[in-house]
C-alpha atoms as a PDB file:
ATOM      1  CA  MET A   1     168.355-165.850  13.465  1.00  0.00           C
ATOM      2  CA  ILE A   2     166.576-168.207  15.598  1.00  0.00           C
ATOM      3  CA  ALA A   3     169.325-169.399  17.734  1.00  0.00           C
ATOM      4  CA  ARG A   4     170.739-165.801  18.172  1.00  0.00           C
ATOM      5  CA  LEU A   5     167.154-164.741  19.525  1.00  0.00           C
ATOM      6  CA  VAL A   6     166.663-167.940  21.915  1.00  0.00           C
ATOM      7  CA  TYR A   7     170.098-167.323  22.789  1.00  0.00           C
ATOM      8  CA  ASN A   8     169.412-163.796  24.075  1.00  0.00           C
ATOM      9  CA  VAL A   9     167.041-165.387  26.761  1.00  0.00           C
ATOM     10  CA  PRO A  10     168.537-164.296  30.252  1.00  0.00           C
ATOM     11  CA  ILE A  11     169.731-167.687  32.236  1.00  0.00           C
ATOM     12  CA  PHE A  12     167.858-170.315  29.705  1.00  0.00           C
ATOM     13  CA  GLY A  13     169.513-168.463  26.833  1.00  0.00           C
ATOM     14  CA  TRP A  14     173.569-169.098  28.108  1.00  0.00           C
ATOM     15  CA  MET A  15     172.604-172.289  29.667  1.00  0.00           C
ATOM     16  CA  LEU A  16     171.465-173.610  26.208  1.00  0.00           C
ATOM     17  CA  LYS A  17     174.070-171.925  23.930  1.00  0.00           C
ATOM     18  CA  GLU A  18     176.541-173.562  26.417  1.00  0.00           C
ATOM     19  CA  ALA A  19     174.896-176.818  26.150  1.00  0.00           C
ATOM     20  CA  VAL A  20     175.321-176.885  22.608  1.00  0.00           C
ATOM     21  CA  GLN A  21     178.921-175.404  21.907  1.00  0.00           C
ATOM     22  CA  GLY A  22     179.922-176.931  24.750  1.00  0.00           C
ATOM     23  CA  SER A  23     181.188-180.135  26.261  1.00  0.00           C
ATOM     24  CA  GLN A  24     179.227-182.883  27.201  1.00  0.00           C
ATOM     25  CA  THR A  25     179.623-181.772  31.123  1.00  0.00           C
ATOM     26  CA  ALA A  26     177.435-178.768  30.098  1.00  0.00           C
ATOM     27  CA  LYS A  27     174.932-180.969  28.048  1.00  0.00           C
ATOM     28  CA  VAL A  28     174.656-183.223  31.401  1.00  0.00           C
ATOM     29  CA  LEU A  29     174.715-180.514  33.613  1.00  0.00           C
ATOM     30  CA  PHE A  30     171.760-178.311  30.965  1.00  0.00           C
ATOM     31  CA  LEU A  31     169.415-181.921  31.466  1.00  0.00           C
ATOM     32  CA  ILE A  32     170.202-181.872  35.243  1.00  0.00           C
ATOM     33  CA  ASN A  33     168.931-178.169  35.727  1.00  0.00           C
ATOM     34  CA  CYS A  34     165.965-178.653  33.224  1.00  0.00           C
ATOM     35  CA  ALA A  35     164.657-181.721  35.640  1.00  0.00           C
ATOM     36  CA  LEU A  36     165.236-179.409  38.731  1.00  0.00           C
ATOM     37  CA  ILE A  37     163.351-176.550  37.141  1.00  0.00           C
ATOM     38  CA  TRP A  38     160.841-179.328  36.526  1.00  0.00           C
ATOM     39  CA  LEU A  39     160.707-180.538  39.603  1.00  0.00           C
ATOM     40  CA  LEU A  40     160.413-177.285  41.363  1.00  0.00           C
ATOM     41  CA  ALA A  41     157.891-176.175  39.337  1.00  0.00           C
ATOM     42  CA  ILE A  42     156.142-179.801  40.143  1.00  0.00           C
ATOM     43  CA  ALA A  43     156.839-178.202  44.143  1.00  0.00           C
ATOM     44  CA  THR A  44     155.047-175.009  43.543  1.00  0.00           C
ATOM     45  CA  PHE A  45     151.904-175.578  40.866  1.00  0.00           C
ATOM     46  CA  GLY A  46     151.760-179.010  41.841  1.00  0.00           C
ATOM     47  CA  TYR A  47     149.309-181.386  39.608  1.00  0.00           C
ATOM     48  CA  PRO A  48     149.287-178.955  36.606  1.00  0.00           C
ATOM     49  CA  ALA A  49     153.379-178.629  36.013  1.00  0.00           C
ATOM     50  CA  ILE A  50     152.778-182.588  35.667  1.00  0.00           C
ATOM     51  CA  ILE A  51     150.110-182.791  33.820  1.00  0.00           C
ATOM     52  CA  ILE A  52     150.815-179.544  31.122  1.00  0.00           C
ATOM     53  CA  PRO A  53     154.474-181.099  29.726  1.00  0.00           C
ATOM     54  CA  ALA A  54     152.124-184.147  28.601  1.00  0.00           C
ATOM     55  CA  LEU A  55     149.327-182.593  26.814  1.00  0.00           C
ATOM     56  CA  VAL A  56     152.009-180.696  25.472  1.00  0.00           C
ATOM     57  CA  LEU A  57     154.060-184.039  24.099  1.00  0.00           C
ATOM     58  CA  VAL A  58     150.751-185.524  22.586  1.00  0.00           C
ATOM     59  CA  PRO A  59     151.305-184.104  19.095  1.00  0.00           C
ATOM     60  CA  ALA A  60     154.949-185.215  19.157  1.00  0.00           C
ATOM     61  CA  VAL A  61     154.208-188.436  19.783  1.00  0.00           C
ATOM     62  CA  PHE A  62     151.100-188.876  17.795  1.00  0.00           C
ATOM     63  CA  VAL A  63     153.739-187.686  14.938  1.00  0.00           C
ATOM     64  CA  VAL A  64     156.175-190.326  15.919  1.00  0.00           C
ATOM     65  CA  LEU A  65     153.266-193.190  16.144  1.00  0.00           C
ATOM     66  CA  ILE A  66     152.079-191.990  12.346  1.00  0.00           C
ATOM     67  CA  LEU A  67     155.950-191.895  10.879  1.00  0.00           C
ATOM     68  CA  ILE A  68     156.604-195.715  12.762  1.00  0.00           C
ATOM     69  CA  THR A  69     153.492-196.876  10.979  1.00  0.00           C
ATOM     70  CA  MET A  70     153.456-195.427   7.620  1.00  0.00           C
ATOM     71  CA  GLY A  71     157.151-197.599   7.345  1.00  0.00           C
END
C-alpha cells in the first residue's frame, strides 16, 4: 500500500518503480539521476543542500553504530 502511494508521486514515483522492478541499467540510471538532482540542489541552494542530508543521516548512522557495538 505504501509502495503504491510512493509510486504515484509524479516523476520520482515512476523512476523508483522502474528501479525496483526494472533491469540493472534502470537501477544505475536511478542512482545517477538522484546524484544529479542533489548536485542541482547544491548549485541552486548552496551550502544547506550539502548539510541537510548529512543532518538527516545522523540518526541512521547513530543506530548503525549502536547495533555494531552491541555485537
